[in-house]
Amino acid sequence: MHRICHRQIHAVLTESELARQYATVDALLEHPELKVFVSWVKTKPDDFFVATSKSARIRKRRR
């Protein structure tokens, strides 16, 4: 998996969400935020990378 994709998954989903609901590639690709991200990133070169921020929902859970 590309680094940017891996980082985006963890920016959007918690570890428990990954384990319970998004344990397969097909399930990940159905997540609304990740679906938009994949559509965007697949137009970029293979070595493309930008910094990733945690989603506001994930940041709130860490408090």
N, C-alpha and C. Protein backbone atom coordinates (compact mmCIF):
# COMPACT_ATOMS: atom_id res chain seq x y z
N MET A 1 0.85 -1.18 0.00
CA MET A 1 0.00 0.00 0.00
C MET A 1 0.90 1.24 0.00
N HIS A 2 0.51 2.22 -0.76
CA HIS A 2 1.27 3.47 -0.79
C HIS A 2 1.21 4.16 0.58
N ARG A 3 2.27 4.82 0.92
CA ARG A 3 2.37 5.52 2.21
C ARG A 3 1.23 6.51 2.41
N ILE A 4 0.92 7.30 1.38
CA ILE A 4 -0.13 8.32 1.51
C ILE A 4 -1.49 7.66 1.78
N CYS A 5 -1.74 6.52 1.15
CA CYS A 5 -3.02 5.83 1.36
C CYS A 5 -3.10 5.26 2.78
N HIS A 6 -2.02 4.67 3.23
CA HIS A 6 -1.97 4.12 4.58
C HIS A 6 -2.21 5.22 5.62
N ARG A 7 -1.55 6.35 5.44
CA ARG A 7 -1.71 7.47 6.37
C ARG A 7 -3.14 8.02 6.35
N GLN A 8 -3.75 8.08 5.17
CA GLN A 8 -5.11 8.60 5.07
C GLN A 8 -6.10 7.68 5.77
N ILE A 9 -5.93 6.40 5.62
CA ILE A 9 -6.81 5.44 6.30
C ILE A 9 -6.77 5.68 7.81
N HIS A 10 -5.58 5.83 8.37
CA HIS A 10 -5.45 6.04 9.82
C HIS A 10 -5.87 7.45 10.24
N ALA A 11 -5.88 8.38 9.31
CA ALA A 11 -6.36 9.73 9.62
C ALA A 11 -7.88 9.76 9.70
N VAL A 12 -8.53 8.84 9.02
CA VAL A 12 -9.99 8.84 8.94
C VAL A 12 -10.63 7.83 9.89
N LEU A 13 -9.99 6.71 10.11
CA LEU A 13 -10.59 5.63 10.89
C LEU A 13 -9.75 5.29 12.12
N THR A 14 -10.43 4.88 13.18
CA THR A 14 -9.74 4.41 14.37
C THR A 14 -9.31 2.95 14.17
N GLU A 15 -8.43 2.49 15.01
CA GLU A 15 -8.00 1.09 14.95
C GLU A 15 -9.19 0.14 15.13
N SER A 16 -10.08 0.46 16.05
CA SER A 16 -11.22 -0.42 16.29
C SER A 16 -12.19 -0.41 15.10
N GLU A 17 -12.37 0.73 14.46
CA GLU A 17 -13.22 0.77 13.25
C GLU A 17 -12.61 -0.07 12.15
N LEU A 18 -11.30 0.02 12.00
CA LEU A 18 -10.62 -0.81 11.00
C LEU A 18 -10.84 -2.29 11.27
N ALA A 19 -10.69 -2.68 12.51
CA ALA A 19 -10.84 -4.09 12.87
C ALA A 19 -12.27 -4.59 12.70
N ARG A 20 -13.24 -3.77 13.10
CA ARG A 20 -14.64 -4.22 13.10
C ARG A 20 -15.34 -4.06 11.76
N GLN A 21 -15.14 -2.93 11.08
CA GLN A 21 -15.95 -2.61 9.91
C GLN A 21 -15.18 -2.53 8.60
N TYR A 22 -13.89 -2.29 8.66
CA TYR A 22 -13.14 -2.00 7.44
C TYR A 22 -11.89 -2.88 7.32
N ALA A 23 -12.06 -4.15 7.55
CA ALA A 23 -10.93 -5.08 7.56
C ALA A 23 -10.54 -5.57 6.16
N THR A 24 -11.30 -5.20 5.15
CA THR A 24 -10.98 -5.61 3.78
C THR A 24 -10.79 -4.38 2.90
N VAL A 25 -10.09 -4.58 1.81
CA VAL A 25 -9.90 -3.48 0.85
C VAL A 25 -11.24 -3.02 0.31
N ASP A 26 -12.12 -3.96 -0.01
CA ASP A 26 -13.44 -3.59 -0.53
C ASP A 26 -14.21 -2.73 0.46
N ALA A 27 -14.16 -3.07 1.72
CA ALA A 27 -14.86 -2.28 2.74
C ALA A 27 -14.25 -0.88 2.84
N LEU A 28 -12.93 -0.80 2.82
CA LEU A 28 -12.27 0.52 2.86
C LEU A 28 -12.69 1.38 1.69
N LEU A 29 -12.77 0.79 0.51
CA LEU A 29 -13.13 1.55 -0.69
C LEU A 29 -14.58 2.02 -0.68
N GLU A 30 -15.40 1.46 0.18
CA GLU A 30 -16.79 1.90 0.31
C GLU A 30 -16.98 3.03 1.30
N HIS A 31 -15.96 3.31 2.12
CA HIS A 31 -16.06 4.40 3.09
C HIS A 31 -16.13 5.72 2.30
N PRO A 32 -17.11 6.59 2.59
CA PRO A 32 -17.30 7.81 1.79
C PRO A 32 -16.07 8.70 1.69
N GLU A 33 -15.39 8.95 2.80
CA GLU A 33 -14.21 9.82 2.75
C GLU A 33 -13.06 9.17 2.00
N LEU A 34 -12.89 7.89 2.18
CA LEU A 34 -11.80 7.21 1.49
C LEU A 34 -12.10 7.06 0.01
N LYS A 35 -13.35 6.90 -0.33
CA LYS A 35 -13.74 6.82 -1.74
C LYS A 35 -13.36 8.10 -2.48
N VAL A 36 -13.63 9.24 -1.88
CA VAL A 36 -13.26 10.54 -2.47
C VAL A 36 -11.74 10.65 -2.56
N PHE A 37 -11.06 10.27 -1.49
CA PHE A 37 -9.60 10.34 -1.47
C PHE A 37 -8.99 9.48 -2.58
N VAL A 38 -9.45 8.26 -2.72
CA VAL A 38 -8.90 7.35 -3.74
C VAL A 38 -9.14 7.92 -5.13
N SER A 39 -10.32 8.47 -5.37
CA SER A 39 -10.60 9.08 -6.68
C SER A 39 -9.61 10.20 -6.98
N TRP A 40 -9.27 10.98 -5.96
CA TRP A 40 -8.34 12.08 -6.12
C TRP A 40 -6.90 11.59 -6.29
N VAL A 41 -6.46 10.70 -5.41
CA VAL A 41 -5.06 10.30 -5.39
C VAL A 41 -4.68 9.44 -6.60
N LYS A 42 -5.62 8.74 -7.18
CA LYS A 42 -5.25 7.88 -8.31
C LYS A 42 -4.89 8.68 -9.56
N THR A 43 -5.15 9.99 -9.53
CA THR A 43 -4.74 10.85 -10.65
C THR A 43 -3.32 11.37 -10.47
N LYS A 44 -2.69 11.06 -9.34
CA LYS A 44 -1.35 11.55 -9.00
C LYS A 44 -0.29 10.52 -9.41
N PRO A 45 0.96 10.97 -9.58
CA PRO A 45 2.05 10.02 -9.88
C PRO A 45 2.26 9.05 -8.71
N ASP A 46 2.86 7.90 -8.99
CA ASP A 46 3.07 6.87 -7.97
C ASP A 46 3.88 7.35 -6.77
N ASP A 47 4.78 8.29 -6.98
CA ASP A 47 5.62 8.76 -5.87
C ASP A 47 5.07 10.02 -5.20
N PHE A 48 3.84 10.37 -5.48
CA PHE A 48 3.20 11.56 -4.91
C PHE A 48 3.01 11.39 -3.40
N PHE A 49 3.29 12.46 -2.65
CA PHE A 49 3.06 12.43 -1.20
C PHE A 49 2.81 13.83 -0.68
N VAL A 50 1.84 13.96 0.19
CA VAL A 50 1.57 15.20 0.94
C VAL A 50 1.29 14.80 2.37
N ALA A 51 1.50 15.73 3.28
CA ALA A 51 1.22 15.46 4.69
C ALA A 51 -0.27 15.20 4.89
N THR A 52 -0.58 14.34 5.83
CA THR A 52 -1.96 13.97 6.14
C THR A 52 -2.29 14.41 7.55
N SER A 53 -3.49 14.96 7.75
CA SER A 53 -3.94 15.37 9.08
C SER A 53 -5.05 14.44 9.54
N LYS A 54 -5.11 14.23 10.84
CA LYS A 54 -6.21 13.45 11.41
C LYS A 54 -7.52 14.20 11.17
N SER A 55 -8.58 13.47 10.94
CA SER A 55 -9.88 14.10 10.79
C SER A 55 -10.33 14.70 12.13
N ALA A 56 -11.20 15.66 12.07
CA ALA A 56 -11.70 16.31 13.30
C ALA A 56 -12.36 15.27 14.21
N ARG A 57 -13.04 14.31 13.64
CA ARG A 57 -13.72 13.26 14.42
C ARG A 57 -12.70 12.45 15.20
N ILE A 58 -11.60 12.11 14.58
CA ILE A 58 -10.56 11.33 15.25
C ILE A 58 -9.85 12.18 16.31
N ARG A 59 -9.58 13.44 16.00
CA ARG A 59 -8.93 14.31 16.98
C ARG A 59 -9.78 14.46 18.23
N LYS A 60 -11.09 14.57 18.09
CA LYS A 60 -12.00 14.69 19.25
C LYS A 60 -11.94 13.46 20.12
N ARG A 61 -11.83 12.27 19.53
CA ARG A 61 -11.82 11.03 20.29
C ARG A 61 -10.58 10.88 21.15
N ARG A 62 -9.50 11.53 20.78
CA ARG A 62 -8.23 11.41 21.50
C ARG A 62 -8.20 12.27 22.75
N ARG A 63 -9.15 13.13 22.94
CA ARG A 63 -9.15 14.01 24.11
C ARG A 63 -9.69 13.33 25.32
